[in-house]
N, C-alpha and C. Protein backbone atom coordinates (compact mmCIF):
# COMPACT_ATOMS: atom_id res chain seq x y z
N UNK A 1 57.22 140.07 154.62
CA UNK A 1 58.70 139.72 153.53
C UNK A 1 58.96 141.20 153.92
N UNK A 2 59.00 141.82 154.90
CA UNK A 2 59.27 143.28 154.79
C UNK A 2 60.50 143.00 155.01
N UNK A 3 61.66 141.93 155.65
CA UNK A 3 62.85 142.09 155.89
C UNK A 3 63.89 141.78 154.42
N UNK A 4 63.22 140.83 154.03
CA UNK A 4 64.33 140.19 152.64
C UNK A 4 64.37 141.64 151.61
N UNK A 5 65.58 141.40 151.62
CA UNK A 5 66.60 141.79 150.72
C UNK A 5 65.91 141.83 149.64
N UNK A 6 65.81 142.83 148.15
CA UNK A 6 65.67 142.86 147.02
C UNK A 6 67.07 141.39 146.23
N UNK A 7 66.56 140.97 145.12
CA UNK A 7 67.74 140.53 143.93
C UNK A 7 68.50 140.94 143.67
N UNK A 8 68.51 142.30 143.34
CA UNK A 8 69.65 143.61 143.18
C UNK A 8 70.26 143.40 144.59
N UNK A 9 69.83 143.75 145.70
CA UNK A 9 70.66 143.58 147.04
C UNK A 9 71.50 142.57 146.88
N UNK A 10 71.16 141.64 146.61
CA UNK A 10 72.13 140.58 146.96
C UNK A 10 73.00 140.15 146.26
N UNK A 11 72.77 140.21 145.14
CA UNK A 11 74.02 140.45 143.92
C UNK A 11 75.00 141.44 144.51
N UNK A 12 74.97 142.80 144.91
CA UNK A 12 76.01 143.91 144.99
C UNK A 12 76.44 143.17 145.80
N UNK A 13 75.68 143.03 147.66
CA UNK A 13 76.15 142.05 148.66
C UNK A 13 77.11 140.81 148.29
N UNK A 14 76.77 140.09 146.93
CA UNK A 14 78.31 138.57 147.09
C UNK A 14 79.18 139.26 145.84
N UNK A 15 79.28 140.18 144.85
CA UNK A 15 80.13 140.33 144.30
C UNK A 15 81.05 141.15 145.45
N UNK A 16 80.56 142.52 146.22
CA UNK A 16 81.18 142.71 146.97
C UNK A 16 82.57 141.77 147.40
N UNK A 17 81.79 140.58 148.05
CA UNK A 17 82.26 139.37 149.31
C UNK A 17 83.45 139.21 148.04
N UNK A 18 83.01 139.15 146.97
CA UNK A 18 84.05 138.47 145.52
C UNK A 18 85.18 139.41 145.51
N UNK A 19 84.81 140.40 145.47
CA UNK A 19 86.07 141.48 145.38
C UNK A 19 87.35 141.37 147.00
N UNK A 20 86.69 140.46 147.75
CA UNK A 20 87.13 140.57 148.80
C UNK A 20 88.58 139.11 148.68
N UNK A 21 87.31 138.41 147.73
CA UNK A 21 88.14 136.66 147.86
C UNK A 21 88.55 136.94 146.59
N UNK A 22 88.74 137.06 145.40
CA UNK A 22 89.44 137.18 144.86
C UNK A 22 89.59 135.25 144.03
N UNK A 23 89.69 134.36 144.82
CA UNK A 23 90.23 132.94 144.26
C UNK A 23 88.34 132.36 144.06
N UNK A 24 87.81 133.07 144.35
CA UNK A 24 85.65 132.56 144.41
C UNK A 24 85.46 133.46 143.56
N UNK A 25 84.30 133.22 142.76
CA UNK A 25 83.09 134.35 142.03
C UNK A 25 81.85 133.23 141.83
N UNK A 26 81.04 133.84 141.35
CA UNK A 26 79.64 133.67 141.32
C UNK A 26 79.54 132.53 140.52
N UNK A 27 79.60 131.61 140.52
CA UNK A 27 79.56 130.42 139.06
C UNK A 27 78.06 129.85 138.88
N UNK A 28 76.48 130.32 139.92
CA UNK A 28 74.75 130.77 139.33
C UNK A 28 74.62 131.37 140.68
N UNK A 29 73.68 131.44 139.59
CA UNK A 29 72.17 132.74 140.01
C UNK A 29 70.85 132.55 140.21
N UNK A 30 70.36 132.56 140.79
CA UNK A 30 68.29 132.08 140.63
C UNK A 30 67.66 132.61 141.58
N UNK A 31 67.54 133.65 140.09
CA UNK A 31 66.37 135.17 140.99
C UNK A 31 65.76 134.72 142.01
N UNK A 32 64.19 133.92 141.55
CA UNK A 32 63.50 133.02 142.04
C UNK A 32 63.85 132.88 143.51
N UNK A 33 64.71 132.10 143.49
CA UNK A 33 64.72 131.55 145.31
C UNK A 33 65.86 133.06 145.92
N UNK A 34 66.74 133.86 145.18
CA UNK A 34 67.22 135.01 145.90
C UNK A 34 68.49 134.35 146.54
N UNK A 35 69.13 133.90 145.83
CA UNK A 35 70.20 132.80 146.18
C UNK A 35 71.55 132.81 145.11
N UNK A 36 72.63 132.88 145.43
CA UNK A 36 73.44 132.85 144.44
C UNK A 36 74.49 131.99 145.16
N UNK A 37 75.40 131.38 143.86
CA UNK A 37 76.57 130.21 144.82
C UNK A 37 77.65 130.78 143.97
N UNK A 38 78.94 130.99 144.74
CA UNK A 38 79.80 130.74 144.76
C UNK A 38 80.88 129.83 145.10
N UNK A 39 81.02 129.78 144.42
CA UNK A 39 82.55 128.68 144.50
C UNK A 39 84.09 129.04 143.74
N UNK A 40 84.61 128.35 144.27
CA UNK A 40 85.93 128.43 143.97
C UNK A 40 86.84 127.75 142.57
N UNK A 41 87.81 129.29 141.87
CA UNK A 41 87.64 129.32 141.16
C UNK A 41 88.23 128.13 140.34
N UNK A 42 89.08 126.82 141.39
CA UNK A 42 90.12 125.86 140.19
C UNK A 42 88.75 124.84 140.08
N UNK A 43 86.95 125.56 140.16
CA UNK A 43 86.53 124.83 139.29
C UNK A 43 85.76 125.36 138.28
N UNK A 44 86.46 126.30 138.05
CA UNK A 44 85.59 126.69 136.17
C UNK A 44 86.93 126.43 135.54
N UNK A 45 86.73 125.13 134.52
CA UNK A 45 87.78 124.60 134.01
C UNK A 45 87.51 125.14 132.25
N UNK A 46 88.10 126.11 131.77
CA UNK A 46 87.76 126.07 130.19
C UNK A 46 86.64 127.29 130.39
N UNK A 47 86.56 128.20 131.37
CA UNK A 47 85.32 128.45 131.23
C UNK A 47 84.18 128.15 131.90
N UNK A 48 83.56 127.27 132.10
CA UNK A 48 82.64 126.37 132.49
C UNK A 48 82.66 125.82 133.85
N UNK A 49 81.82 125.82 134.76
CA UNK A 49 81.66 126.12 136.08
C UNK A 49 81.69 124.10 136.18
N UNK A 50 82.72 123.52 136.99
CA UNK A 50 81.96 121.90 136.83
C UNK A 50 81.82 122.29 138.79
N UNK A 51 80.79 122.25 138.99
CA UNK A 51 80.01 122.40 140.89
C UNK A 51 79.62 121.12 140.65
N UNK A 52 79.22 120.42 139.81
CA UNK A 52 78.68 118.88 140.31
C UNK A 52 78.58 118.66 141.32
N UNK A 53 78.34 118.36 142.87
CA UNK A 53 78.66 116.17 143.35
C UNK A 53 78.66 115.52 142.64
N UNK A 54 80.01 114.45 142.12
CA UNK A 54 80.02 113.07 141.90
C UNK A 54 80.00 112.23 142.56
N UNK A 55 79.44 111.08 143.33
CA UNK A 55 80.10 110.39 143.94
C UNK A 55 79.37 108.71 143.94
N UNK A 56 79.96 108.08 144.03
CA UNK A 56 79.27 106.78 144.45
C UNK A 56 78.34 106.93 145.34
N UNK A 57 77.06 106.30 145.30
CA UNK A 57 75.48 106.58 146.24
C UNK A 57 75.91 104.81 147.25
């Protein structure tokens, strides 16, 4: 685990990415898994993210 970044470091990095890509934003964050989901802003409708994949199986 010596080479795994702290969650705060990951959040900072992702925020820097978002700053350079203004059409994207952080849609979801899971601290325990140390991961964040970036989503295209068109999927945020009335302040709510619509990021579920909904298709016929």
